[in-house]
């Protein structure tokens, strides 16, 4: 567990450092280098692909008072890492506004930790992992700044529909063996920012963004103590994405 936490902290610091260095070098060379792909953004439609790292976490609320304090006295969701890949369809609406459809498949995991009391009155922690394979259909607005030589920052806002393909595996598991269940369908909103770098033959981008569930993903099961403790569960996903267009 400690190794995973240290690794995640190092990865976050590394991503921040990379972005800082790229932005710093771009600002220094902005006036010295000629523009690459000078007419790239004049295209009405263009395509590309993306891949990247993600981290699944949650907005979790437990019931108050606790429904089964003699069995489950608390819980939390531990962030887990994954990856995603997909294709990009980009439509120019105005000079600084573009609309993007980005079909994506996202692989991740959700780890639920329970604080419990066993039959002997001893405190312990029990965990369960719920695999997530999301087929996503994001529709995002990309609001760009003015281009500076071969560098252009932007912000992202939009929404998406997600379907959990891992739910097909769960259907083979007996219901009594599942500690809790979550919905297969999810609607999410997305916000973030990114940087485009115009290289000699293609445009490369780095995006930092987060997606949040609009609806409660938990399926209530009052007869199960591990499920009954949850009042509300909403998925939250953080992405670091690399785009190639």
C-alpha atoms as a PDB file:
ATOM      1  CA  UNK A   1       0.000   0.000   0.000  1.00  0.00           C
ATOM      2  CA  UNK A   2       2.776   2.433   0.927  1.00  0.00           C
ATOM      3  CA  UNK A   3       4.567   1.682  -2.331  1.00  0.00           C
ATOM      4  CA  UNK A   4       1.452   2.539  -4.319  1.00  0.00           C
ATOM      5  CA  UNK A   5       0.939   5.806  -2.449  1.00  0.00           C
ATOM      6  CA  UNK A   6       4.573   6.849  -2.980  1.00  0.00           C
ATOM      7  CA  UNK A   7       4.384   5.928  -6.672  1.00  0.00           C
ATOM      8  CA  UNK A   8       1.237   8.013  -7.168  1.00  0.00           C
ATOM      9  CA  UNK A   9       2.836  11.038  -5.480  1.00  0.00           C
ATOM     10  CA  UNK A  10       5.944  10.747  -7.660  1.00  0.00           C
ATOM     11  CA  UNK A  11       3.842  10.462 -10.830  1.00  0.00           C
ATOM     12  CA  UNK A  12       1.847  13.567  -9.951  1.00  0.00           C
ATOM     13  CA  UNK A  13       5.008  15.580  -9.285  1.00  0.00           C
ATOM     14  CA  UNK A  14       6.564  14.295 -12.501  1.00  0.00           C
ATOM     15  CA  UNK A  15       3.562  15.351 -14.602  1.00  0.00           C
ATOM     16  CA  UNK A  16       3.612  18.836 -13.064  1.00  0.00           C
ATOM     17  CA  UNK A  17       7.344  19.154 -13.693  1.00  0.00           C
ATOM     18  CA  UNK A  18       7.036  18.043 -17.334  1.00  0.00           C
ATOM     19  CA  UNK A  19       4.262  20.532 -18.015  1.00  0.00           C
ATOM     20  CA  UNK A  20       6.211  23.352 -16.345  1.00  0.00           C
ATOM     21  CA  UNK A  21       9.338  22.623 -18.383  1.00  0.00           C
ATOM     22  CA  UNK A  22       7.434  22.417 -21.669  1.00  0.00           C
ATOM     23  CA  UNK A  23       5.643  25.702 -21.010  1.00  0.00           C
ATOM     24  CA  UNK A  24       8.903  27.377 -19.964  1.00  0.00           C
ATOM     25  CA  UNK A  25      10.783  26.221 -23.061  1.00  0.00           C
ATOM     26  CA  UNK A  26       7.874  27.178 -25.309  1.00  0.00           C
ATOM     27  CA  UNK A  27       7.817  30.731 -23.939  1.00  0.00           C
ATOM     28  CA  UNK A  28      11.562  31.100 -24.502  1.00  0.00           C
ATOM     29  CA  UNK A  29      11.541  29.868 -28.109  1.00  0.00           C
ATOM     30  CA  UNK A  30       8.166  31.316 -29.113  1.00  0.00           C
ATOM     31  CA  UNK A  31       9.666  34.272 -30.956  1.00  0.00           C
ATOM     32  CA  UNK A  32      12.667  32.425 -32.445  1.00  0.00           C
ATOM     33  CA  UNK A  33      11.114  29.461 -34.265  1.00  0.00           C
ATOM     34  CA  UNK A  34       8.868  29.660 -37.350  1.00  0.00           C
ATOM     35  CA  UNK A  35       5.366  28.274 -37.064  1.00  0.00           C
ATOM     36  CA  UNK A  36       4.832  24.596 -37.704  1.00  0.00           C
ATOM     37  CA  UNK A  37       1.554  23.570 -39.380  1.00  0.00           C
ATOM     38  CA  UNK A  38       0.499  27.241 -39.834  1.00  0.00           C
ATOM     39  CA  UNK A  39      -2.895  26.343 -41.374  1.00  0.00           C
ATOM     40  CA  UNK A  40      -3.766  23.391 -39.140  1.00  0.00           C
ATOM     41  CA  UNK A  41      -6.546  25.164 -37.202  1.00  0.00           C
ATOM     42  CA  UNK A  42      -8.190  26.425 -40.381  1.00  0.00           C
ATOM     43  CA  UNK A  43      -9.486  22.928 -41.144  1.00  0.00           C
ATOM     44  CA  UNK A  44     -13.204  22.468 -40.568  1.00  0.00           C
ATOM     45  CA  UNK A  45     -12.774  18.862 -39.389  1.00  0.00           C
ATOM     46  CA  UNK A  46      -9.747  16.850 -38.356  1.00  0.00           C
ATOM     47  CA  UNK A  47      -9.113  13.585 -36.507  1.00  0.00           C
ATOM     48  CA  UNK A  48      -6.610  12.089 -34.099  1.00  0.00           C
ATOM     49  CA  UNK A  49      -6.212   9.760 -31.155  1.00  0.00           C
ATOM     50  CA  UNK A  50      -5.341   9.991 -27.481  1.00  0.00           C
ATOM     51  CA  UNK A  51      -4.035   7.865 -24.621  1.00  0.00           C
ATOM     52  CA  UNK A  52      -3.221   8.528 -21.000  1.00  0.00           C
ATOM     53  CA  UNK A  53      -3.343   7.859 -17.285  1.00  0.00           C
ATOM     54  CA  UNK A  54      -6.411   8.078 -15.041  1.00  0.00           C
ATOM     55  CA  UNK A  55      -7.252   7.814 -11.379  1.00  0.00           C
ATOM     56  CA  UNK A  56     -10.629   6.625 -10.089  1.00  0.00           C
ATOM     57  CA  UNK A  57     -11.905   8.109  -6.840  1.00  0.00           C
ATOM     58  CA  UNK A  58     -15.350   9.042  -5.532  1.00  0.00           C
ATOM     59  CA  UNK A  59     -17.623  11.512  -3.861  1.00  0.00           C
ATOM     60  CA  UNK A  60     -18.902   9.268  -1.086  1.00  0.00           C
ATOM     61  CA  UNK A  61     -21.472   9.946   1.633  1.00  0.00           C
ATOM     62  CA  UNK A  62     -22.347   7.404   4.338  1.00  0.00           C
ATOM     63  CA  UNK A  63     -25.611   7.343   6.235  1.00  0.00           C
ATOM     64  CA  UNK A  64     -25.982   9.210   9.507  1.00  0.00           C
ATOM     65  CA  UNK A  65     -26.834   7.558  11.839  1.00  0.00           C
ATOM     66  CA  UNK A  66     -25.122   4.332  10.753  1.00  0.00           C
ATOM     67  CA  UNK A  67     -27.667   1.592   9.977  1.00  0.00           C
ATOM     68  CA  UNK A  68     -25.512  -1.296  11.303  1.00  0.00           C
ATOM     69  CA  UNK A  69     -23.030   0.153  13.863  1.00  0.00           C
ATOM     70  CA  UNK A  70     -22.470  -3.314  15.335  1.00  0.00           C
ATOM     71  CA  UNK A  71     -21.011  -4.510  11.995  1.00  0.00           C
ATOM     72  CA  UNK A  72     -19.860  -1.623   9.771  1.00  0.00           C
ATOM     73  CA  UNK A  73     -18.756   1.628  11.416  1.00  0.00           C
ATOM     74  CA  UNK A  74     -17.328   3.511   8.425  1.00  0.00           C
ATOM     75  CA  UNK A  75     -15.901   3.342   4.919  1.00  0.00           C
ATOM     76  CA  UNK A  76     -13.902   5.189   2.290  1.00  0.00           C
ATOM     77  CA  UNK A  77     -12.905   4.828  -1.354  1.00  0.00           C
ATOM     78  CA  UNK A  78      -9.188   4.528  -2.061  1.00  0.00           C
ATOM     79  CA  UNK A  79      -8.062   6.110  -5.394  1.00  0.00           C
ATOM     80  CA  UNK A  80      -6.871   3.590  -7.994  1.00  0.00           C
ATOM     81  CA  UNK A  81      -4.892   4.118 -11.196  1.00  0.00           C
ATOM     82  CA  UNK A  82      -5.746   3.048 -14.736  1.00  0.00           C
ATOM     83  CA  UNK A  83      -5.385   4.093 -18.365  1.00  0.00           C
ATOM     84  CA  UNK A  84      -7.497   5.085 -21.349  1.00  0.00           C
ATOM     85  CA  UNK A  85      -7.306   5.335 -25.134  1.00  0.00           C
ATOM     86  CA  UNK A  86      -9.612   6.614 -27.821  1.00  0.00           C
ATOM     87  CA  UNK A  87     -10.099   8.557 -31.046  1.00  0.00           C
ATOM     88  CA  UNK A  88     -10.716  12.282 -31.560  1.00  0.00           C
ATOM     89  CA  UNK A  89     -13.122  13.945 -33.958  1.00  0.00           C
ATOM     90  CA  UNK A  90     -12.685  17.741 -33.969  1.00  0.00           C
ATOM     91  CA  UNK A  91     -15.101  20.257 -35.559  1.00  0.00           C
ATOM     92  CA  UNK A  92     -14.300  23.974 -35.898  1.00  0.00           C
ATOM     93  CA  UNK A  93     -17.237  26.160 -34.814  1.00  0.00           C
ATOM     94  CA  UNK A  94     -15.494  29.539 -34.567  1.00  0.00           C
ATOM     95  CA  UNK A  95     -11.903  30.768 -34.507  1.00  0.00           C
ATOM     96  CA  UNK A  96     -11.451  30.056 -30.808  1.00  0.00           C
ATOM     97  CA  UNK A  97     -14.153  27.423 -30.258  1.00  0.00           C
ATOM     98  CA  UNK A  98     -14.151  23.795 -31.324  1.00  0.00           C
ATOM     99  CA  UNK A  99     -16.482  20.837 -30.650  1.00  0.00           C
ATOM    100  CA  UNK A 100     -14.957  17.418 -30.040  1.00  0.00           C
ATOM    101  CA  UNK A 101     -16.440  13.921 -30.019  1.00  0.00           C
ATOM    102  CA  UNK A 102     -13.985  11.548 -28.304  1.00  0.00           C
ATOM    103  CA  UNK A 103     -15.085   7.864 -28.136  1.00  0.00           C
ATOM    104  CA  UNK A 104     -12.906   6.343 -25.419  1.00  0.00           C
ATOM    105  CA  UNK A 105     -12.404   3.104 -23.551  1.00  0.00           C
ATOM    106  CA  UNK A 106     -11.218   3.613 -19.965  1.00  0.00           C
ATOM    107  CA  UNK A 107      -9.794   0.911 -17.706  1.00  0.00           C
ATOM    108  CA  UNK A 108      -9.784   1.445 -13.955  1.00  0.00           C
ATOM    109  CA  UNK A 109     -10.630   0.067 -10.554  1.00  0.00           C
ATOM    110  CA  UNK A 110     -12.585   1.181  -7.487  1.00  0.00           C
ATOM    111  CA  UNK A 111     -11.444   0.034  -4.042  1.00  0.00           C
ATOM    112  CA  UNK A 112     -13.921   0.277  -1.168  1.00  0.00           C
ATOM    113  CA  UNK A 113     -12.448   0.023   2.354  1.00  0.00           C
ATOM    114  CA  UNK A 114     -14.786  -0.839   5.254  1.00  0.00           C
ATOM    115  CA  UNK A 115     -14.146  -0.289   8.947  1.00  0.00           C
ATOM    116  CA  UNK A 116     -15.855  -3.265  10.593  1.00  0.00           C
ATOM    117  CA  UNK A 117     -16.337  -5.033  13.923  1.00  0.00           C
ATOM    118  CA  UNK A 118     -16.317  -8.834  13.820  1.00  0.00           C
ATOM    119  CA  UNK A 119     -18.256 -11.301  15.974  1.00  0.00           C
ATOM    120  CA  UNK A 120     -15.552 -11.096  18.688  1.00  0.00           C
ATOM    121  CA  UNK A 121     -15.813  -7.304  18.863  1.00  0.00           C
ATOM    122  CA  UNK A 122     -12.449  -6.766  17.143  1.00  0.00           C
ATOM    123  CA  UNK A 123     -11.887  -3.849  14.793  1.00  0.00           C
ATOM    124  CA  UNK A 124     -10.594  -4.602  11.287  1.00  0.00           C
ATOM    125  CA  UNK A 125     -10.573  -3.257   7.729  1.00  0.00           C
ATOM    126  CA  UNK A 126     -12.146  -5.182   4.870  1.00  0.00           C
ATOM    127  CA  UNK A 127     -11.788  -4.205   1.221  1.00  0.00           C
ATOM    128  CA  UNK A 128     -13.502  -5.002  -2.046  1.00  0.00           C
ATOM    129  CA  UNK A 129     -12.468  -4.012  -5.554  1.00  0.00           C
ATOM    130  CA  UNK A 130     -14.949  -3.277  -8.314  1.00  0.00           C
ATOM    131  CA  UNK A 131     -13.414  -3.318 -11.774  1.00  0.00           C
ATOM    132  CA  UNK A 132     -14.475  -0.608 -14.217  1.00  0.00           C
ATOM    133  CA  UNK A 133     -14.163  -0.749 -18.002  1.00  0.00           C
ATOM    134  CA  UNK A 134     -15.966   2.352 -19.206  1.00  0.00           C
ATOM    135  CA  UNK A 135     -17.021   2.824 -22.812  1.00  0.00           C
ATOM    136  CA  UNK A 136     -17.291   6.620 -22.955  1.00  0.00           C
ATOM    137  CA  UNK A 137     -18.865   8.995 -25.467  1.00  0.00           C
ATOM    138  CA  UNK A 138     -17.659  12.483 -24.460  1.00  0.00           C
ATOM    139  CA  UNK A 139     -18.838  15.640 -26.217  1.00  0.00           C
ATOM    140  CA  UNK A 140     -16.623  18.560 -25.243  1.00  0.00           C
ATOM    141  CA  UNK A 141     -16.223  22.225 -26.085  1.00  0.00           C
ATOM    142  CA  UNK A 142     -12.616  23.283 -26.546  1.00  0.00           C
ATOM    143  CA  UNK A 143     -12.083  26.999 -25.948  1.00  0.00           C
ATOM    144  CA  UNK A 144      -8.698  28.055 -27.303  1.00  0.00           C
ATOM    145  CA  UNK A 145      -6.547  31.096 -26.690  1.00  0.00           C
ATOM    146  CA  UNK A 146      -4.676  32.917 -29.416  1.00  0.00           C
ATOM    147  CA  UNK A 147      -1.837  30.845 -30.866  1.00  0.00           C
ATOM    148  CA  UNK A 148       1.675  31.820 -29.741  1.00  0.00           C
ATOM    149  CA  UNK A 149       4.087  30.507 -32.371  1.00  0.00           C
ATOM    150  CA  UNK A 150       3.905  26.702 -31.825  1.00  0.00           C
ATOM    151  CA  UNK A 151       2.051  26.771 -28.508  1.00  0.00           C
ATOM    152  CA  UNK A 152      -1.634  27.218 -27.662  1.00  0.00           C
ATOM    153  CA  UNK A 153      -3.395  26.703 -24.282  1.00  0.00           C
ATOM    154  CA  UNK A 154      -7.091  25.877 -23.988  1.00  0.00           C
ATOM    155  CA  UNK A 155      -9.827  24.930 -21.550  1.00  0.00           C
ATOM    156  CA  UNK A 156     -12.370  22.104 -21.791  1.00  0.00           C
ATOM    157  CA  UNK A 157     -16.002  21.821 -20.733  1.00  0.00           C
ATOM    158  CA  UNK A 158     -18.545  19.188 -21.658  1.00  0.00           C
ATOM    159  CA  UNK A 159     -20.376  16.020 -20.759  1.00  0.00           C
ATOM    160  CA  UNK A 160     -20.417  12.344 -21.588  1.00  0.00           C
ATOM    161  CA  UNK A 161     -22.310   9.089 -21.326  1.00  0.00           C
ATOM    162  CA  UNK A 162     -20.489   6.054 -19.902  1.00  0.00           C
ATOM    163  CA  UNK A 163     -21.355   2.368 -19.917  1.00  0.00           C
ATOM    164  CA  UNK A 164     -19.474  -0.071 -17.684  1.00  0.00           C
ATOM    165  CA  UNK A 165     -18.511  -3.102 -19.780  1.00  0.00           C
ATOM    166  CA  UNK A 166     -17.215  -4.872 -16.651  1.00  0.00           C
ATOM    167  CA  UNK A 167     -20.849  -5.269 -15.587  1.00  0.00           C
ATOM    168  CA  UNK A 168     -21.103  -8.136 -18.082  1.00  0.00           C
ATOM    169  CA  UNK A 169     -18.629 -10.092 -15.933  1.00  0.00           C
ATOM    170  CA  UNK A 170     -20.507  -9.275 -12.735  1.00  0.00           C
ATOM    171  CA  UNK A 171     -23.631 -10.978 -14.081  1.00  0.00           C
ATOM    172  CA  UNK A 172     -21.820 -14.304 -13.708  1.00  0.00           C
ATOM    173  CA  UNK A 173     -21.225 -13.707  -9.979  1.00  0.00           C
ATOM    174  CA  UNK A 174     -23.876 -14.782  -7.479  1.00  0.00           C
ATOM    175  CA  UNK A 175     -25.633 -11.794  -5.937  1.00  0.00           C
ATOM    176  CA  UNK A 176     -24.894 -12.960  -2.391  1.00  0.00           C
ATOM    177  CA  UNK A 177     -21.137 -12.868  -3.182  1.00  0.00           C
ATOM    178  CA  UNK A 178     -21.215  -9.180  -4.133  1.00  0.00           C
ATOM    179  CA  UNK A 179     -20.753  -6.825  -1.169  1.00  0.00           C
ATOM    180  CA  UNK A 180     -22.342  -3.969  -3.091  1.00  0.00           C
ATOM    181  CA  UNK A 181     -23.530  -3.109  -6.565  1.00  0.00           C
ATOM    182  CA  UNK A 182     -23.209   0.036  -8.671  1.00  0.00           C
ATOM    183  CA  UNK A 183     -25.076   1.202 -11.749  1.00  0.00           C
ATOM    184  CA  UNK A 184     -23.807   0.306 -15.231  1.00  0.00           C
ATOM    185  CA  UNK A 185     -24.846   3.584 -16.875  1.00  0.00           C
ATOM    186  CA  UNK A 186     -23.406   6.934 -15.899  1.00  0.00           C
ATOM    187  CA  UNK A 187     -23.775  10.537 -17.034  1.00  0.00           C
ATOM    188  CA  UNK A 188     -20.851  12.794 -16.193  1.00  0.00           C
ATOM    189  CA  UNK A 189     -19.696  16.374 -16.697  1.00  0.00           C
ATOM    190  CA  UNK A 190     -16.092  17.223 -17.496  1.00  0.00           C
ATOM    191  CA  UNK A 191     -13.854  20.253 -16.983  1.00  0.00           C
ATOM    192  CA  UNK A 192     -10.156  20.795 -17.488  1.00  0.00           C
ATOM    193  CA  UNK A 193      -7.357  22.534 -19.358  1.00  0.00           C
ATOM    194  CA  UNK A 194      -4.653  21.643 -21.825  1.00  0.00           C
ATOM    195  CA  UNK A 195      -1.787  22.764 -24.010  1.00  0.00           C
ATOM    196  CA  UNK A 196      -1.303  22.162 -27.740  1.00  0.00           C
ATOM    197  CA  UNK A 197       2.183  22.009 -29.260  1.00  0.00           C
ATOM    198  CA  UNK A 198       2.469  22.305 -33.048  1.00  0.00           C
ATOM    199  CA  UNK A 199       5.246  20.002 -34.165  1.00  0.00           C
ATOM    200  CA  UNK A 200       6.620  19.565 -37.660  1.00  0.00           C
ATOM    201  CA  UNK A 201       4.244  16.803 -38.761  1.00  0.00           C
ATOM    202  CA  UNK A 202       1.437  16.697 -36.176  1.00  0.00           C
ATOM    203  CA  UNK A 203      -0.084  18.503 -33.209  1.00  0.00           C
ATOM    204  CA  UNK A 204       0.693  17.121 -29.753  1.00  0.00           C
ATOM    205  CA  UNK A 205      -1.362  18.000 -26.673  1.00  0.00           C
ATOM    206  CA  UNK A 206      -1.379  17.473 -22.920  1.00  0.00           C
ATOM    207  CA  UNK A 207      -4.680  17.645 -21.018  1.00  0.00           C
ATOM    208  CA  UNK A 208      -5.498  17.657 -17.320  1.00  0.00           C
ATOM    209  CA  UNK A 209      -9.200  17.146 -16.634  1.00  0.00           C
ATOM    210  CA  UNK A 210     -11.716  15.599 -14.259  1.00  0.00           C
ATOM    211  CA  UNK A 211     -15.118  13.989 -14.761  1.00  0.00           C
ATOM    212  CA  UNK A 212     -17.869  13.802 -12.133  1.00  0.00           C
ATOM    213  CA  UNK A 213     -21.027  11.676 -12.012  1.00  0.00           C
ATOM    214  CA  UNK A 214     -24.327  13.528 -12.122  1.00  0.00           C
ATOM    215  CA  UNK A 215     -26.341  10.702 -10.579  1.00  0.00           C
ATOM    216  CA  UNK A 216     -25.997   8.412  -7.566  1.00  0.00           C
ATOM    217  CA  UNK A 217     -24.278   5.241  -8.822  1.00  0.00           C
ATOM    218  CA  UNK A 218     -25.030   3.106  -5.752  1.00  0.00           C
ATOM    219  CA  UNK A 219     -27.767   0.460  -5.982  1.00  0.00           C
ATOM    220  CA  UNK A 220     -29.394   0.254  -2.505  1.00  0.00           C
ATOM    221  CA  UNK A 221     -29.597  -3.174  -0.887  1.00  0.00           C
ATOM    222  CA  UNK A 222     -30.839  -2.725   2.728  1.00  0.00           C
ATOM    223  CA  UNK A 223     -30.280  -6.393   3.574  1.00  0.00           C
ATOM    224  CA  UNK A 224     -26.508  -6.072   2.977  1.00  0.00           C
ATOM    225  CA  UNK A 225     -24.586  -4.157   5.715  1.00  0.00           C
ATOM    226  CA  UNK A 226     -21.765  -3.267   3.279  1.00  0.00           C
ATOM    227  CA  UNK A 227     -24.244  -1.740   0.872  1.00  0.00           C
ATOM    228  CA  UNK A 228     -26.715  -0.270   3.358  1.00  0.00           C
ATOM    229  CA  UNK A 229     -24.092   2.060   4.881  1.00  0.00           C
ATOM    230  CA  UNK A 230     -23.835   4.069   1.620  1.00  0.00           C
ATOM    231  CA  UNK A 231     -26.130   7.039   1.198  1.00  0.00           C
ATOM    232  CA  UNK A 232     -24.613   8.385  -2.005  1.00  0.00           C
ATOM    233  CA  UNK A 233     -21.777   7.343  -4.302  1.00  0.00           C
ATOM    234  CA  UNK A 234     -20.657   9.341  -7.328  1.00  0.00           C
ATOM    235  CA  UNK A 235     -17.693   8.418  -9.505  1.00  0.00           C
ATOM    236  CA  UNK A 236     -14.903  10.950  -9.974  1.00  0.00           C
ATOM    237  CA  UNK A 237     -12.126  10.369 -12.527  1.00  0.00           C
ATOM    238  CA  UNK A 238      -8.978  12.435 -12.970  1.00  0.00           C
ATOM    239  CA  UNK A 239      -7.208  12.206 -16.354  1.00  0.00           C
ATOM    240  CA  UNK A 240      -3.781  13.066 -17.704  1.00  0.00           C
ATOM    241  CA  UNK A 241      -4.193  12.676 -21.471  1.00  0.00           C
ATOM    242  CA  UNK A 242      -1.788  12.905 -24.394  1.00  0.00           C
ATOM    243  CA  UNK A 243      -3.364  13.793 -27.753  1.00  0.00           C
ATOM    244  CA  UNK A 244      -2.019  13.303 -31.281  1.00  0.00           C
ATOM    245  CA  UNK A 245      -3.818  15.098 -34.107  1.00  0.00           C
END
